Amino acid sequence: MNSKLSFRVIFSMLLFAAGPRLAAQPLLLSKSFAQQQSPQSSADARSALSPREKQEEQARIFMAEKRYEDAILAYEELLKSEPKSAIYLNMVGIAYLDLSNFDQARKYFQRSVKADKKYSSAVNNLGMVYYHQKNFRRAIREYEKAVKIEPHQAGTHVNLGFAYYNTNKYELAAAEFGQAIEIDPLVFQRNARVGTMVEDRSVTNHGLFFFTMARIYAQKTDAAHCAEYLKKSFDEGYKDIAKAKTDPAFKTVLNDPDVQAVFVLITPVEQKDAASQPGA
């Protein structure tokens, strides 16, 4: 498969953060809790909100519904009373980024960073603008800044890793991916689309990328994910996949049944390649 694999994942540990430095936590409600909430109680809760809180809630709804133009207008209205709100500026930037208006997105992310130089989400998102414009070197600079501000944010390490990967700095990319998994073991399995930080995962050499991920998981003795990514690498036709059998990084997972199942697929390909060699 030679077509570019590109999918955008916008995620955050907090639904449209209430503050730039609040600890990021997922907003989860159990089904039983939701069932206990009556329409009247929801109406009462909303009536208790201040006018500004109602505006914020509406802006969040617009973003969740992907009504980005409406979200921009809503946040711009909020900015009239708080023109230096790093959060509001960042959210307008995200809306413009989703509209592929990179110039406006960059402008608002820069304003957000100027309002709060320690707001890592805005710094990361500024890097994302450059990433989408394929200016990977500038993206790397912004991501590195974001990592320094908030080193325990897995998503920023992922973004930095992809920027390194797209500049052929594979070892540095692998190190960032590994760091991200240390922080959040499920970071590559998350597909949530809420929040203040943007993530984009775009690669061209799919086979090599999947092999790199398999190697990272092998080093973490995660055989299941190692086998999953090895299979993806095999499906993409990565020509050096057989190296997994002798690469020391895979030593701890070699005897895992799932990994062995992938090796069963690799063996006929190896034999076919060997038979096609001159003198075979």
Protein backbone atom coordinates (compact mmCIF):
# COMPACT_ATOMS: atom_id res chain seq x y z
CA MET A 1 0.00 0.00 0.00
CA ASN A 2 1.67 3.21 -1.19
CA SER A 3 -1.07 5.67 -0.47
CA LYS A 4 -0.39 7.94 2.44
CA LEU A 5 -1.77 6.77 5.74
CA SER A 6 -3.09 9.83 7.46
CA PHE A 7 -5.54 10.15 10.22
CA ARG A 8 -5.97 12.93 12.67
CA VAL A 9 -6.56 12.24 16.26
CA ILE A 10 -7.44 15.13 18.45
CA PHE A 11 -7.39 14.12 22.03
CA SER A 12 -6.99 15.33 25.60
CA MET A 13 -7.27 13.90 29.06
CA LEU A 14 -9.76 16.62 29.96
CA LEU A 15 -12.80 17.68 27.96
CA PHE A 16 -11.99 21.26 26.92
CA ALA A 17 -9.88 21.94 30.00
CA ALA A 18 -11.19 24.26 32.67
CA GLY A 19 -7.68 25.57 33.16
CA PRO A 20 -4.38 25.24 31.30
CA ARG A 21 -2.55 23.56 34.14
CA LEU A 22 -5.27 21.37 35.59
CA ALA A 23 -4.34 17.71 35.90
CA ALA A 24 -5.72 15.99 32.80
CA GLN A 25 -8.33 13.39 33.63
CA PRO A 26 -10.86 11.68 31.33
CA LEU A 27 -14.45 12.73 31.84
CA LEU A 28 -16.32 9.46 32.24
CA LEU A 29 -19.88 8.79 33.43
CA SER A 30 -21.11 5.28 34.12
CA LYS A 31 -24.29 4.14 32.43
CA SER A 32 -26.00 3.63 35.75
CA PHE A 33 -25.13 7.17 36.84
CA ALA A 34 -26.44 8.60 33.58
CA GLN A 35 -29.69 6.69 33.99
CA GLN A 36 -30.18 8.24 37.39
CA GLN A 37 -30.14 11.73 35.98
CA SER A 38 -33.62 13.04 35.21
CA PRO A 39 -34.31 15.73 32.59
CA GLN A 40 -35.35 17.96 35.46
CA SER A 41 -32.04 17.53 37.26
CA SER A 42 -30.16 18.35 34.03
CA ALA A 43 -32.28 21.45 33.56
CA ASP A 44 -31.66 22.47 37.17
CA ALA A 45 -27.92 22.00 36.71
CA ARG A 46 -27.91 24.15 33.59
CA SER A 47 -29.98 26.87 35.23
CA ALA A 48 -27.35 27.05 37.97
CA LEU A 49 -24.66 27.98 35.45
CA SER A 50 -23.55 31.56 35.10
CA PRO A 51 -24.02 33.27 31.69
CA ARG A 52 -20.32 32.78 30.92
CA GLU A 53 -20.47 29.09 31.87
CA LYS A 54 -23.46 28.66 29.56
CA GLN A 55 -21.46 30.29 26.75
CA GLU A 56 -18.57 27.92 27.41
CA GLU A 57 -20.89 24.92 27.41
CA GLN A 58 -22.38 25.98 24.08
CA ALA A 59 -18.94 26.47 22.57
CA ARG A 60 -17.93 22.98 23.71
CA ILE A 61 -21.08 21.55 22.15
CA PHE A 62 -20.29 23.23 18.83
CA MET A 63 -16.79 21.73 18.88
CA ALA A 64 -18.11 18.27 19.75
CA GLU A 65 -20.60 18.52 16.88
CA LYS A 66 -17.84 19.69 14.52
CA ARG A 67 -19.65 22.99 13.92
CA TYR A 68 -16.35 24.80 13.84
CA GLU A 69 -17.56 28.11 12.41
CA ASP A 70 -20.14 28.35 15.19
CA ALA A 71 -17.53 27.35 17.76
CA ILE A 72 -15.23 30.13 16.56
CA LEU A 73 -17.99 32.71 16.95
CA ALA A 74 -18.83 31.38 20.42
CA TYR A 75 -15.22 31.52 21.63
CA GLU A 76 -14.69 34.93 20.03
CA GLU A 77 -17.66 36.16 22.07
CA LEU A 78 -16.02 34.81 25.21
CA LEU A 79 -12.74 36.46 24.23
CA LYS A 80 -14.42 39.86 24.29
CA SER A 81 -14.50 39.69 28.08
CA GLU A 82 -11.28 37.65 28.44
CA PRO A 83 -9.07 38.61 25.48
CA LYS A 84 -5.98 36.99 26.97
CA SER A 85 -7.54 33.64 27.81
CA ALA A 86 -5.00 31.08 26.62
CA ILE A 87 -7.69 28.40 26.65
CA TYR A 88 -10.20 30.28 24.49
CA LEU A 89 -7.47 31.31 22.03
CA ASN A 90 -6.28 27.72 21.82
CA MET A 91 -9.78 26.44 21.13
CA VAL A 92 -10.27 28.94 18.31
CA GLY A 93 -6.95 27.73 16.89
CA ILE A 94 -8.14 24.13 17.01
CA ALA A 95 -11.35 25.04 15.20
CA TYR A 96 -9.37 26.78 12.45
CA LEU A 97 -7.01 23.81 12.25
CA ASP A 98 -9.98 21.50 11.72
CA LEU A 99 -11.08 23.81 8.92
CA SER A 100 -7.56 23.51 7.43
CA ASN A 101 -7.12 27.26 7.81
CA PHE A 102 -3.50 26.96 8.90
CA ASP A 103 -2.69 30.66 8.86
CA GLN A 104 -5.50 31.52 11.26
CA ALA A 105 -4.78 28.45 13.39
CA ARG A 106 -1.14 29.48 13.74
CA LYS A 107 -2.15 33.03 14.64
CA TYR A 108 -4.40 31.90 17.49
CA PHE A 109 -1.98 29.31 18.83
CA GLN A 110 0.74 31.97 18.89
CA ARG A 111 -1.59 34.32 20.76
CA SER A 112 -2.40 31.51 23.21
CA VAL A 113 1.30 30.85 23.85
CA LYS A 114 1.92 34.56 24.29
CA ALA A 115 -0.88 34.68 26.87
CA ASP A 116 0.59 31.71 28.75
CA LYS A 117 4.05 30.48 27.79
CA LYS A 118 3.58 27.40 29.98
CA TYR A 119 0.42 26.24 28.25
CA SER A 120 1.82 23.11 26.64
CA SER A 121 -1.31 22.29 24.63
CA ALA A 122 -1.03 25.51 22.62
CA VAL A 123 2.71 25.00 22.08
CA ASN A 124 2.01 21.45 20.85
CA ASN A 125 -0.78 22.66 18.58
CA LEU A 126 1.45 25.32 17.07
CA GLY A 127 3.81 22.47 16.18
CA MET A 128 0.86 20.66 14.63
CA VAL A 129 0.28 23.54 12.21
CA TYR A 130 3.85 23.22 10.96
CA TYR A 131 3.47 19.43 10.86
CA HIS A 132 0.45 19.68 8.57
CA GLN A 133 2.40 22.06 6.37
CA LYS A 134 5.17 19.42 6.27
CA ASN A 135 7.60 21.81 7.92
CA PHE A 136 8.77 19.02 10.20
CA ARG A 137 11.83 20.82 11.54
CA ARG A 138 9.76 23.68 12.91
CA ALA A 139 7.22 21.20 14.20
CA ILE A 140 10.00 19.39 16.07
CA ARG A 141 11.10 22.65 17.73
CA GLU A 142 7.60 23.33 19.03
CA TYR A 143 7.03 19.75 20.17
CA GLU A 144 10.34 19.76 22.01
CA LYS A 145 9.28 22.93 23.80
CA ALA A 146 5.96 21.32 24.75
CA VAL A 147 7.73 18.23 26.09
CA LYS A 148 9.95 20.40 28.28
CA ILE A 149 6.90 22.20 29.67
CA GLU A 150 4.93 19.03 30.34
CA PRO A 151 7.17 15.94 30.05
CA HIS A 152 4.47 13.52 31.21
CA GLN A 153 2.02 14.23 28.39
CA ALA A 154 2.07 11.09 26.23
CA GLY A 155 0.47 12.74 23.22
CA THR A 156 3.24 15.29 22.84
CA HIS A 157 5.85 12.53 22.80
CA VAL A 158 3.80 10.78 20.10
CA ASN A 159 3.69 13.95 18.00
CA LEU A 160 7.41 14.53 18.42
CA GLY A 161 8.03 10.91 17.46
CA PHE A 162 6.08 11.26 14.22
CA ALA A 163 7.90 14.48 13.37
CA TYR A 164 11.23 12.70 13.92
CA TYR A 165 10.00 9.75 11.87
CA ASN A 166 9.11 11.99 8.95
CA THR A 167 12.63 13.43 8.96
CA ASN A 168 14.12 9.90 8.91
CA LYS A 169 15.33 10.13 12.51
CA TYR A 170 14.04 6.68 13.28
CA GLU A 171 15.96 6.03 16.49
CA LEU A 172 14.80 9.32 17.99
CA ALA A 173 11.26 8.55 16.85
CA ALA A 174 11.37 5.12 18.49
CA ALA A 175 12.62 6.67 21.72
CA GLU A 176 9.69 9.13 21.79
CA PHE A 177 7.15 6.43 20.99
CA GLY A 178 8.62 4.29 23.75
CA GLN A 179 8.41 7.18 26.20
CA ALA A 180 4.78 7.77 25.26
CA ILE A 181 3.93 4.12 25.93
CA GLU A 182 5.69 4.30 29.30
CA ILE A 183 3.44 7.22 30.25
CA ASP A 184 0.26 5.77 28.76
CA PRO A 185 0.40 2.12 27.61
CA LEU A 186 -2.79 2.59 25.59
CA VAL A 187 -1.80 5.83 23.87
CA PHE A 188 -1.69 4.20 20.42
CA GLN A 189 -5.05 2.54 20.94
CA ARG A 190 -6.91 5.73 21.82
CA ASN A 191 -9.19 7.28 19.19
CA ALA A 192 -11.04 9.84 21.32
CA ARG A 193 -11.70 13.19 19.72
CA VAL A 194 -12.12 15.66 22.54
CA GLY A 195 -10.02 18.31 24.08
CA THR A 196 -7.33 20.92 23.91
CA MET A 197 -4.44 19.08 22.27
CA VAL A 198 -4.16 17.95 18.68
CA GLU A 199 -2.47 14.77 17.53
CA ASP A 200 -1.73 13.69 13.98
CA ARG A 201 -0.26 10.36 12.92
CA SER A 202 0.89 10.44 9.33
CA VAL A 203 3.51 8.19 7.77
CA THR A 204 4.49 7.21 4.26
CA ASN A 205 6.57 4.04 4.82
CA HIS A 206 3.89 2.05 6.60
CA GLY A 207 5.82 -1.21 6.74
CA LEU A 208 8.85 0.32 8.43
CA PHE A 209 6.66 2.24 10.86
CA PHE A 210 4.75 -0.88 11.92
CA PHE A 211 8.01 -2.82 12.27
CA THR A 212 9.40 -0.01 14.45
CA MET A 213 6.32 -0.20 16.67
CA ALA A 214 6.62 -4.00 16.89
CA ARG A 215 10.24 -3.60 18.00
CA ILE A 216 9.28 -1.05 20.68
CA TYR A 217 6.60 -3.34 22.10
CA ALA A 218 8.98 -6.32 22.00
CA GLN A 219 11.47 -4.39 24.10
CA LYS A 220 8.67 -3.77 26.59
CA THR A 221 7.87 -7.52 26.55
CA ASP A 222 4.39 -6.77 25.24
CA ALA A 223 4.08 -9.77 22.92
CA ALA A 224 0.46 -9.17 21.96
CA HIS A 225 1.04 -5.69 20.56
CA CYS A 226 4.37 -6.77 19.09
CA ALA A 227 2.61 -9.51 17.11
CA GLU A 228 -0.13 -7.09 16.06
CA TYR A 229 2.33 -4.62 14.57
CA LEU A 230 4.50 -7.34 13.04
CA LYS A 231 1.40 -8.61 11.22
CA LYS A 232 0.64 -5.08 10.00
CA SER A 233 4.23 -4.73 8.80
CA PHE A 234 3.97 -8.07 6.99
CA ASP A 235 0.67 -7.03 5.38
CA GLU A 236 2.36 -3.86 4.10
CA GLY A 237 5.05 -5.98 2.47
CA TYR A 238 7.96 -4.69 4.55
CA LYS A 239 10.97 -6.43 2.97
CA ASP A 240 13.12 -6.67 6.11
CA ILE A 241 10.50 -8.09 8.44
CA ALA A 242 12.41 -11.38 8.80
CA LYS A 243 15.03 -9.47 10.80
CA ALA A 244 12.67 -9.81 13.75
CA LYS A 245 13.85 -13.42 14.09
CA THR A 246 17.44 -12.38 14.82
CA ASP A 247 17.09 -8.85 16.20
CA PRO A 248 18.01 -8.92 19.94
CA ALA A 249 15.16 -6.50 20.64
CA PHE A 250 12.68 -9.31 19.92
CA LYS A 251 14.44 -11.90 22.09
CA THR A 252 11.95 -11.83 24.97
CA VAL A 253 8.90 -12.42 22.74
CA LEU A 254 10.26 -14.90 20.20
CA ASN A 255 8.52 -17.88 21.78
CA ASP A 256 5.15 -16.20 22.19
CA PRO A 257 2.45 -18.06 20.19
CA ASP A 258 1.12 -14.87 18.57
CA VAL A 259 4.58 -13.82 17.45
CA GLN A 260 5.30 -17.35 16.23
CA ALA A 261 2.08 -17.22 14.20
CA VAL A 262 3.42 -14.20 12.33
CA PHE A 263 6.72 -15.97 11.76
CA VAL A 264 4.78 -18.81 10.13
CA LEU A 265 3.53 -16.26 7.60
CA ILE A 266 7.01 -14.85 7.07
CA THR A 267 8.73 -18.19 6.41
CA PRO A 268 7.15 -18.93 2.98
CA VAL A 269 8.07 -15.43 1.83
CA GLU A 270 11.66 -15.98 2.96
CA GLN A 271 11.79 -19.28 1.08
CA LYS A 272 10.35 -17.68 -2.05
CA ASP A 273 12.88 -14.85 -1.90
CA ALA A 274 15.73 -17.31 -1.39
CA ALA A 275 14.59 -19.40 -4.35
CA SER A 276 14.54 -16.34 -6.57
CA GLN A 277 18.19 -15.52 -5.82
CA PRO A 278 20.74 -16.27 -8.59
CA GLY A 279 22.31 -19.69 -8.13
CA ALA A 280 19.51 -20.96 -5.89
